[in-house]
Amino acid sequence: MEAINIHEAKTRLSQLVARAAEGEGFIIAKAGKPMARVMAIDSPESGQQKRLGFLAGQFKVPDDFDRMGQEEIAEMFGG
């Protein structure tokens, strides 16, 4: 992620925000010290990428999954 000096960020803010909206985040630094990270709102945090479907085909959900343990649960509630 690119680090941008705070003065340069003020000068080029609209360009930098447009880049962030396209998924290219950046860091605003003051005197070389990182102060803020700018990224698109819908971007996941680093290390939190969505992994939908990563177990596809690895297991099968039984057809009666929503009724499993039904008798035991009914007994717990006195039914």
N, C-alpha and C. Protein backbone atom coordinates (compact mmCIF):
# COMPACT_ATOMS: atom_id res chain seq x y z
N MET A 1 0.85 -1.16 0.00
CA MET A 1 0.00 0.00 0.00
C MET A 1 0.90 1.23 0.00
N GLU A 2 0.60 2.16 -0.86
CA GLU A 2 1.43 3.35 -1.03
C GLU A 2 1.21 4.33 0.12
N ALA A 3 2.28 4.93 0.63
CA ALA A 3 2.20 5.96 1.66
C ALA A 3 2.31 7.33 1.00
N ILE A 4 1.38 8.20 1.35
CA ILE A 4 1.33 9.55 0.79
C ILE A 4 1.52 10.55 1.92
N ASN A 5 2.38 11.55 1.72
CA ASN A 5 2.58 12.61 2.70
C ASN A 5 1.28 13.39 2.86
N ILE A 6 0.98 13.84 4.07
CA ILE A 6 -0.28 14.53 4.33
C ILE A 6 -0.45 15.78 3.47
N HIS A 7 0.62 16.51 3.23
CA HIS A 7 0.53 17.71 2.39
C HIS A 7 0.15 17.33 0.95
N GLU A 8 0.80 16.30 0.43
CA GLU A 8 0.47 15.83 -0.92
C GLU A 8 -0.96 15.30 -0.98
N ALA A 9 -1.41 14.64 0.08
CA ALA A 9 -2.77 14.10 0.13
C ALA A 9 -3.79 15.23 0.07
N LYS A 10 -3.51 16.33 0.76
CA LYS A 10 -4.43 17.49 0.71
C LYS A 10 -4.49 18.05 -0.70
N THR A 11 -3.35 18.10 -1.37
CA THR A 11 -3.27 18.65 -2.71
C THR A 11 -3.99 17.78 -3.73
N ARG A 12 -3.89 16.45 -3.59
CA ARG A 12 -4.43 15.51 -4.58
C ARG A 12 -5.60 14.68 -4.03
N LEU A 13 -6.34 15.20 -3.08
CA LEU A 13 -7.35 14.41 -2.38
C LEU A 13 -8.36 13.78 -3.32
N SER A 14 -8.92 14.54 -4.26
CA SER A 14 -9.95 13.97 -5.14
C SER A 14 -9.38 12.83 -5.99
N GLN A 15 -8.16 12.96 -6.47
CA GLN A 15 -7.53 11.88 -7.25
C GLN A 15 -7.31 10.65 -6.39
N LEU A 16 -6.84 10.86 -5.17
CA LEU A 16 -6.56 9.74 -4.28
C LEU A 16 -7.83 9.01 -3.86
N VAL A 17 -8.90 9.77 -3.60
CA VAL A 17 -10.17 9.15 -3.23
C VAL A 17 -10.72 8.34 -4.40
N ALA A 18 -10.57 8.84 -5.61
CA ALA A 18 -11.03 8.10 -6.79
C ALA A 18 -10.25 6.78 -6.91
N ARG A 19 -8.95 6.82 -6.67
CA ARG A 19 -8.15 5.58 -6.71
C ARG A 19 -8.59 4.61 -5.63
N ALA A 20 -8.86 5.13 -4.43
CA ALA A 20 -9.30 4.27 -3.33
C ALA A 20 -10.65 3.63 -3.67
N ALA A 21 -11.53 4.38 -4.29
CA ALA A 21 -12.84 3.85 -4.67
C ALA A 21 -12.71 2.70 -5.67
N GLU A 22 -11.64 2.71 -6.45
CA GLU A 22 -11.40 1.64 -7.42
C GLU A 22 -10.67 0.45 -6.79
N GLY A 23 -10.44 0.52 -5.47
CA GLY A 23 -9.82 -0.60 -4.77
C GLY A 23 -8.35 -0.43 -4.46
N GLU A 24 -7.79 0.70 -4.82
CA GLU A 24 -6.36 0.95 -4.58
C GLU A 24 -6.20 1.85 -3.35
N GLY A 25 -6.16 1.24 -2.18
CA GLY A 25 -6.04 2.00 -0.94
C GLY A 25 -4.67 2.63 -0.80
N PHE A 26 -4.56 3.57 0.16
CA PHE A 26 -3.28 4.21 0.42
C PHE A 26 -3.22 4.61 1.89
N ILE A 27 -2.03 4.98 2.34
CA ILE A 27 -1.80 5.39 3.71
C ILE A 27 -1.39 6.85 3.70
N ILE A 28 -1.96 7.64 4.61
CA ILE A 28 -1.56 9.03 4.78
C ILE A 28 -0.54 9.06 5.92
N ALA A 29 0.61 9.66 5.64
CA ALA A 29 1.69 9.72 6.62
C ALA A 29 2.04 11.17 6.93
N LYS A 30 2.48 11.37 8.17
CA LYS A 30 2.95 12.70 8.59
C LYS A 30 4.37 12.52 9.08
N ALA A 31 5.30 13.19 8.45
CA ALA A 31 6.73 13.08 8.76
C ALA A 31 7.19 11.63 8.70
N GLY A 32 6.65 10.89 7.72
CA GLY A 32 7.04 9.50 7.50
C GLY A 32 6.35 8.50 8.41
N LYS A 33 5.55 8.98 9.36
CA LYS A 33 4.85 8.08 10.28
C LYS A 33 3.42 7.85 9.77
N PRO A 34 3.03 6.59 9.54
CA PRO A 34 1.67 6.31 9.06
C PRO A 34 0.63 6.82 10.05
N MET A 35 -0.36 7.56 9.54
CA MET A 35 -1.40 8.14 10.40
C MET A 35 -2.78 7.58 10.11
N ALA A 36 -3.09 7.31 8.84
CA ALA A 36 -4.43 6.84 8.48
C ALA A 36 -4.35 5.98 7.23
N ARG A 37 -5.24 4.99 7.17
CA ARG A 37 -5.34 4.15 5.98
C ARG A 37 -6.65 4.51 5.28
N VAL A 38 -6.59 4.73 3.99
CA VAL A 38 -7.77 5.09 3.21
C VAL A 38 -8.03 3.98 2.21
N MET A 39 -9.27 3.46 2.23
CA MET A 39 -9.66 2.40 1.30
C MET A 39 -11.15 2.52 1.03
N ALA A 40 -11.60 1.86 0.00
CA ALA A 40 -13.02 1.88 -0.33
C ALA A 40 -13.82 1.29 0.82
N ILE A 41 -15.01 1.78 1.05
CA ILE A 41 -15.85 1.32 2.16
C ILE A 41 -16.14 -0.16 2.06
N ASP A 42 -16.40 -0.67 0.87
CA ASP A 42 -16.76 -2.08 0.73
C ASP A 42 -15.54 -3.01 0.66
N SER A 43 -14.34 -2.47 0.85
CA SER A 43 -13.14 -3.30 0.84
C SER A 43 -13.01 -4.03 2.17
N PRO A 44 -12.69 -5.31 2.15
CA PRO A 44 -12.47 -6.02 3.40
C PRO A 44 -11.16 -5.59 4.03
N GLU A 45 -11.08 -5.69 5.35
CA GLU A 45 -9.82 -5.41 6.03
C GLU A 45 -8.77 -6.39 5.53
N SER A 46 -7.52 -6.01 5.61
CA SER A 46 -6.47 -6.93 5.18
C SER A 46 -6.52 -8.18 6.05
N GLY A 47 -6.43 -9.34 5.42
CA GLY A 47 -6.50 -10.60 6.12
C GLY A 47 -7.92 -11.10 6.35
N GLN A 48 -8.91 -10.35 5.88
CA GLN A 48 -10.30 -10.75 6.07
C GLN A 48 -11.02 -10.93 4.74
N GLN A 49 -10.33 -11.47 3.78
CA GLN A 49 -10.93 -11.72 2.48
C GLN A 49 -12.06 -12.72 2.62
N LYS A 50 -13.15 -12.49 1.94
CA LYS A 50 -14.27 -13.42 1.97
C LYS A 50 -13.88 -14.68 1.22
N ARG A 51 -14.21 -15.82 1.78
CA ARG A 51 -13.80 -17.09 1.18
C ARG A 51 -15.03 -17.96 0.92
N LEU A 52 -16.03 -17.43 0.29
CA LEU A 52 -17.23 -18.20 0.00
C LEU A 52 -16.91 -19.35 -0.94
N GLY A 53 -17.45 -20.51 -0.61
CA GLY A 53 -17.30 -21.65 -1.48
C GLY A 53 -16.00 -22.41 -1.35
N PHE A 54 -15.17 -22.10 -0.34
CA PHE A 54 -13.88 -22.76 -0.26
C PHE A 54 -13.99 -24.23 0.12
N LEU A 55 -15.15 -24.69 0.63
CA LEU A 55 -15.34 -26.11 0.94
C LEU A 55 -16.34 -26.77 -0.02
N ALA A 56 -16.60 -26.14 -1.13
CA ALA A 56 -17.56 -26.69 -2.08
C ALA A 56 -17.18 -28.12 -2.47
N GLY A 57 -18.15 -29.04 -2.33
CA GLY A 57 -17.93 -30.42 -2.70
C GLY A 57 -17.22 -31.25 -1.64
N GLN A 58 -16.85 -30.66 -0.52
CA GLN A 58 -16.11 -31.36 0.52
C GLN A 58 -17.01 -32.20 1.44
N PHE A 59 -18.28 -31.79 1.57
CA PHE A 59 -19.20 -32.54 2.43
C PHE A 59 -20.62 -32.36 1.92
N LYS A 60 -21.53 -33.19 2.43
CA LYS A 60 -22.92 -33.13 2.00
C LYS A 60 -23.80 -32.90 3.23
N VAL A 61 -24.70 -31.95 3.14
CA VAL A 61 -25.64 -31.66 4.22
C VAL A 61 -26.81 -32.63 4.08
N PRO A 62 -27.14 -33.37 5.15
CA PRO A 62 -28.24 -34.34 5.06
C PRO A 62 -29.57 -33.64 4.74
N ASP A 63 -30.46 -34.37 4.05
CA ASP A 63 -31.76 -33.79 3.69
C ASP A 63 -32.60 -33.44 4.92
N ASP A 64 -32.41 -34.17 6.01
CA ASP A 64 -33.20 -33.91 7.22
C ASP A 64 -32.45 -33.02 8.22
N PHE A 65 -31.52 -32.24 7.75
CA PHE A 65 -30.70 -31.40 8.62
C PHE A 65 -31.54 -30.51 9.53
N ASP A 66 -32.59 -29.92 8.99
CA ASP A 66 -33.41 -29.01 9.79
C ASP A 66 -34.31 -29.75 10.80
N ARG A 67 -34.35 -31.07 10.74
CA ARG A 67 -35.15 -31.86 11.68
C ARG A 67 -34.29 -32.73 12.59
N MET A 68 -32.98 -32.65 12.47
CA MET A 68 -32.09 -33.47 13.28
C MET A 68 -32.26 -33.12 14.76
N GLY A 69 -32.43 -34.14 15.60
CA GLY A 69 -32.58 -33.93 17.04
C GLY A 69 -33.95 -33.42 17.44
N GLN A 70 -34.89 -33.46 16.53
CA GLN A 70 -36.23 -32.91 16.77
C GLN A 70 -36.88 -33.54 18.00
N GLU A 71 -36.77 -34.86 18.15
CA GLU A 71 -37.39 -35.56 19.28
C GLU A 71 -36.77 -35.13 20.60
N GLU A 72 -35.43 -35.06 20.65
CA GLU A 72 -34.74 -34.66 21.87
C GLU A 72 -35.10 -33.24 22.29
N ILE A 73 -35.20 -32.37 21.33
CA ILE A 73 -35.54 -30.97 21.61
C ILE A 73 -36.97 -30.88 22.14
N ALA A 74 -37.89 -31.64 21.53
CA ALA A 74 -39.28 -31.64 21.98
C ALA A 74 -39.37 -32.15 23.42
N GLU A 75 -38.58 -33.18 23.76
CA GLU A 75 -38.58 -33.72 25.12
C GLU A 75 -38.05 -32.69 26.12
N MET A 76 -37.04 -31.92 25.73
CA MET A 76 -36.50 -30.90 26.61
C MET A 76 -37.54 -29.84 26.98
N PHE A 77 -38.45 -29.56 26.05
CA PHE A 77 -39.48 -28.57 26.28
C PHE A 77 -40.80 -29.19 26.75
N GLY A 78 -40.75 -30.46 27.12
CA GLY A 78 -41.92 -31.12 27.68
C GLY A 78 -42.94 -31.55 26.66
N GLY A 79 -42.54 -31.74 25.43
CA GLY A 79 -43.49 -32.09 24.38
C GLY A 79 -43.42 -33.46 23.97
